[in-house]
Amino acid sequence: MHEETGLNYHRCRWCGTASFRRLLCPVCASSDLKPEHSAGLGVVVRSGVVHRYTEAARNESLVRLPEGFVFRCRVVGAAPHRVSVGARVRPLAVDGPDAAEVVFELCEPPGDDWL
């Protein structure tokens, strides 16, 4: 992630596959990757609550971006169990020891009537 909004990712010059934080294309194994920038708006395709390595529960989700890649990240902006599949998310700048972690926030928090 970077200071401005969005994410930097790579696209394979051989097959056109987009990937995030990889040294080789996940489809053709080419190392000829060109850097590109995404606005970072994505959709949660899988969401779960985890308790490992911490006392507090946290969300762990898979987010799909329109550029064609999916990756695992944390989604904040609601209680971990209230992040649902289909929720729209955007990247959040993180400072401190977690700065290398990709964190997204919900574009629209879930309503109070959601159980």
C-alpha atoms as a PDB file:
ATOM      1  CA  MET A   1       0.000   0.000   0.000  1.00  0.00           C
ATOM      2  CA  HIS A   2       1.165   3.498  -0.472  1.00  0.00           C
ATOM      3  CA  GLU A   3       0.628   6.995   0.803  1.00  0.00           C
ATOM      4  CA  GLU A   4      -1.971   7.876  -1.818  1.00  0.00           C
ATOM      5  CA  THR A   5      -5.254   6.036  -2.127  1.00  0.00           C
ATOM      6  CA  GLY A   6      -5.058   2.669  -3.788  1.00  0.00           C
ATOM      7  CA  LEU A   7      -2.663  -0.220  -4.195  1.00  0.00           C
ATOM      8  CA  ASN A   8       0.369  -0.884  -6.320  1.00  0.00           C
ATOM      9  CA  TYR A   9       0.317  -4.270  -8.035  1.00  0.00           C
ATOM     10  CA  HIS A  10       1.918  -6.003 -11.031  1.00  0.00           C
ATOM     11  CA  ARG A  11       0.619  -7.206 -14.387  1.00  0.00           C
ATOM     12  CA  CYS A  12       2.413  -9.904 -16.349  1.00  0.00           C
ATOM     13  CA  ARG A  13       3.709  -8.626 -19.684  1.00  0.00           C
ATOM     14  CA  TRP A  14       3.319 -12.123 -21.193  1.00  0.00           C
ATOM     15  CA  CYS A  15      -0.164 -13.265 -20.233  1.00  0.00           C
ATOM     16  CA  GLY A  16      -1.721 -10.120 -18.702  1.00  0.00           C
ATOM     17  CA  THR A  17      -2.457 -11.655 -15.291  1.00  0.00           C
ATOM     18  CA  ALA A  18      -2.652  -9.173 -12.406  1.00  0.00           C
ATOM     19  CA  SER A  19      -0.978 -10.116  -9.117  1.00  0.00           C
ATOM     20  CA  PHE A  20      -0.236  -8.537  -5.773  1.00  0.00           C
ATOM     21  CA  ARG A  21       3.077  -8.964  -3.927  1.00  0.00           C
ATOM     22  CA  ARG A  22       4.464 -11.722  -6.127  1.00  0.00           C
ATOM     23  CA  LEU A  23       7.845 -12.142  -7.761  1.00  0.00           C
ATOM     24  CA  LEU A  24       6.535 -14.380 -10.539  1.00  0.00           C
ATOM     25  CA  CYS A  25       3.270 -14.471 -12.475  1.00  0.00           C
ATOM     26  CA  PRO A  26       0.962 -17.016 -10.781  1.00  0.00           C
ATOM     27  CA  VAL A  27      -0.255 -18.246 -14.197  1.00  0.00           C
ATOM     28  CA  CYS A  28       2.783 -18.476 -16.490  1.00  0.00           C
ATOM     29  CA  ALA A  29       5.667 -18.013 -13.976  1.00  0.00           C
ATOM     30  CA  SER A  30       7.157 -15.104 -15.945  1.00  0.00           C
ATOM     31  CA  SER A  31       9.243 -12.611 -13.993  1.00  0.00           C
ATOM     32  CA  ASP A  32       8.478  -9.875 -16.553  1.00  0.00           C
ATOM     33  CA  LEU A  33       5.982  -7.928 -14.437  1.00  0.00           C
ATOM     34  CA  LYS A  34       5.092  -4.286 -14.968  1.00  0.00           C
ATOM     35  CA  PRO A  35       3.933  -2.111 -12.052  1.00  0.00           C
ATOM     36  CA  GLU A  36       0.406  -0.704 -12.156  1.00  0.00           C
ATOM     37  CA  HIS A  37      -1.807   1.196  -9.723  1.00  0.00           C
ATOM     38  CA  SER A  38      -5.324   0.305  -8.601  1.00  0.00           C
ATOM     39  CA  ALA A  39      -7.854   2.646  -7.032  1.00  0.00           C
ATOM     40  CA  GLY A  40      -8.152  -0.172  -4.517  1.00  0.00           C
ATOM     41  CA  LEU A  41     -11.931  -0.417  -4.343  1.00  0.00           C
ATOM     42  CA  GLY A  42     -12.817  -4.068  -3.889  1.00  0.00           C
ATOM     43  CA  VAL A  43     -15.484  -6.549  -2.827  1.00  0.00           C
ATOM     44  CA  VAL A  44     -15.285  -9.080   0.000  1.00  0.00           C
ATOM     45  CA  VAL A  45     -15.596 -12.605  -1.447  1.00  0.00           C
ATOM     46  CA  ARG A  46     -14.916 -14.504   1.783  1.00  0.00           C
ATOM     47  CA  SER A  47     -14.924 -13.378   5.391  1.00  0.00           C
ATOM     48  CA  GLY A  48     -14.119 -15.040   8.686  1.00  0.00           C
ATOM     49  CA  VAL A  49     -13.334 -14.264  12.296  1.00  0.00           C
ATOM     50  CA  VAL A  50     -10.011 -15.441  13.684  1.00  0.00           C
ATOM     51  CA  HIS A  51      -8.636 -15.544  17.207  1.00  0.00           C
ATOM     52  CA  ARG A  52      -5.080 -16.768  16.612  1.00  0.00           C
ATOM     53  CA  TYR A  53      -2.025 -14.813  17.773  1.00  0.00           C
ATOM     54  CA  THR A  54      -4.183 -12.284  19.615  1.00  0.00           C
ATOM     55  CA  GLU A  55      -6.629 -12.125  22.507  1.00  0.00           C
ATOM     56  CA  ALA A  56      -9.157 -10.090  20.524  1.00  0.00           C
ATOM     57  CA  ALA A  57     -11.128 -11.463  17.585  1.00  0.00           C
ATOM     58  CA  ARG A  58     -10.299  -9.969  14.216  1.00  0.00           C
ATOM     59  CA  ASN A  59     -11.617 -10.208  10.698  1.00  0.00           C
ATOM     60  CA  GLU A  60      -9.729 -11.996   7.940  1.00  0.00           C
ATOM     61  CA  SER A  61     -11.175 -11.651   4.455  1.00  0.00           C
ATOM     62  CA  LEU A  62     -10.453 -12.350   0.820  1.00  0.00           C
ATOM     63  CA  VAL A  63     -10.992  -9.231  -1.282  1.00  0.00           C
ATOM     64  CA  ARG A  64     -11.370  -9.194  -5.079  1.00  0.00           C
ATOM     65  CA  LEU A  65     -10.302  -6.096  -6.977  1.00  0.00           C
ATOM     66  CA  PRO A  66     -11.628  -5.230 -10.449  1.00  0.00           C
ATOM     67  CA  GLU A  67      -8.101  -5.540 -11.890  1.00  0.00           C
ATOM     68  CA  GLY A  68      -8.401  -9.300 -11.444  1.00  0.00           C
ATOM     69  CA  PHE A  69      -6.576 -10.285  -8.284  1.00  0.00           C
ATOM     70  CA  VAL A  70      -7.729 -11.581  -4.906  1.00  0.00           C
ATOM     71  CA  PHE A  71      -5.787 -11.428  -1.688  1.00  0.00           C
ATOM     72  CA  ARG A  72      -6.138 -11.994   2.032  1.00  0.00           C
ATOM     73  CA  CYS A  73      -6.401  -8.976   4.308  1.00  0.00           C
ATOM     74  CA  ARG A  74      -8.032  -7.558   7.385  1.00  0.00           C
ATOM     75  CA  VAL A  75     -11.244  -5.510   7.064  1.00  0.00           C
ATOM     76  CA  VAL A  76     -12.016  -2.883   9.699  1.00  0.00           C
ATOM     77  CA  GLY A  77     -14.899  -0.475  10.237  1.00  0.00           C
ATOM     78  CA  ALA A  78     -17.286  -2.906  11.932  1.00  0.00           C
ATOM     79  CA  ALA A  79     -17.182  -5.762  14.419  1.00  0.00           C
ATOM     80  CA  PRO A  80     -15.288  -8.725  12.851  1.00  0.00           C
ATOM     81  CA  HIS A  81     -18.441 -10.867  12.562  1.00  0.00           C
ATOM     82  CA  ARG A  82     -20.316  -8.068  10.725  1.00  0.00           C
ATOM     83  CA  VAL A  83     -18.082  -8.007   7.638  1.00  0.00           C
ATOM     84  CA  SER A  84     -20.136  -9.839   5.037  1.00  0.00           C
ATOM     85  CA  VAL A  85     -19.538 -11.292   1.591  1.00  0.00           C
ATOM     86  CA  GLY A  86     -20.385  -8.681  -1.034  1.00  0.00           C
ATOM     87  CA  ALA A  87     -19.400  -5.717   1.130  1.00  0.00           C
ATOM     88  CA  ARG A  88     -17.539  -2.973  -0.724  1.00  0.00           C
ATOM     89  CA  VAL A  89     -14.178  -2.015   0.767  1.00  0.00           C
ATOM     90  CA  ARG A  90     -11.361   0.495   0.208  1.00  0.00           C
ATOM     91  CA  PRO A  91      -7.709   0.511   1.316  1.00  0.00           C
ATOM     92  CA  LEU A  92      -6.797   2.155   4.588  1.00  0.00           C
ATOM     93  CA  ALA A  93      -3.384   3.709   5.234  1.00  0.00           C
ATOM     94  CA  VAL A  94      -1.731   1.978   8.201  1.00  0.00           C
ATOM     95  CA  ASP A  95       1.055   3.510  10.264  1.00  0.00           C
ATOM     96  CA  GLY A  96       3.264   1.899  12.875  1.00  0.00           C
ATOM     97  CA  PRO A  97       4.313  -1.749  13.214  1.00  0.00           C
ATOM     98  CA  ASP A  98       1.467  -2.985  10.958  1.00  0.00           C
ATOM     99  CA  ALA A  99       2.396  -0.678   8.053  1.00  0.00           C
ATOM    100  CA  ALA A 100       3.312  -3.618   5.763  1.00  0.00           C
ATOM    101  CA  GLU A 101      -0.106  -5.218   6.283  1.00  0.00           C
ATOM    102  CA  VAL A 102      -2.857  -4.467   3.773  1.00  0.00           C
ATOM    103  CA  VAL A 103      -5.939  -3.308   5.648  1.00  0.00           C
ATOM    104  CA  PHE A 104      -9.270  -2.368   4.097  1.00  0.00           C
ATOM    105  CA  GLU A 105     -12.211  -0.527   5.599  1.00  0.00           C
ATOM    106  CA  LEU A 106     -15.871  -0.913   4.774  1.00  0.00           C
ATOM    107  CA  CYS A 107     -17.188   1.728   2.366  1.00  0.00           C
ATOM    108  CA  GLU A 108     -20.563   1.562   4.096  1.00  0.00           C
ATOM    109  CA  PRO A 109     -20.842   0.194   7.652  1.00  0.00           C
ATOM    110  CA  PRO A 110     -23.501  -2.484   8.127  1.00  0.00           C
ATOM    111  CA  GLY A 111     -26.905  -1.235   9.320  1.00  0.00           C
ATOM    112  CA  ASP A 112     -28.076  -1.614  12.914  1.00  0.00           C
ATOM    113  CA  ASP A 113     -30.780  -4.076  11.850  1.00  0.00           C
ATOM    114  CA  TRP A 114     -28.206  -6.649  10.635  1.00  0.00           C
ATOM    115  CA  LEU A 115     -27.871  -9.652  12.939  1.00  0.00           C
END
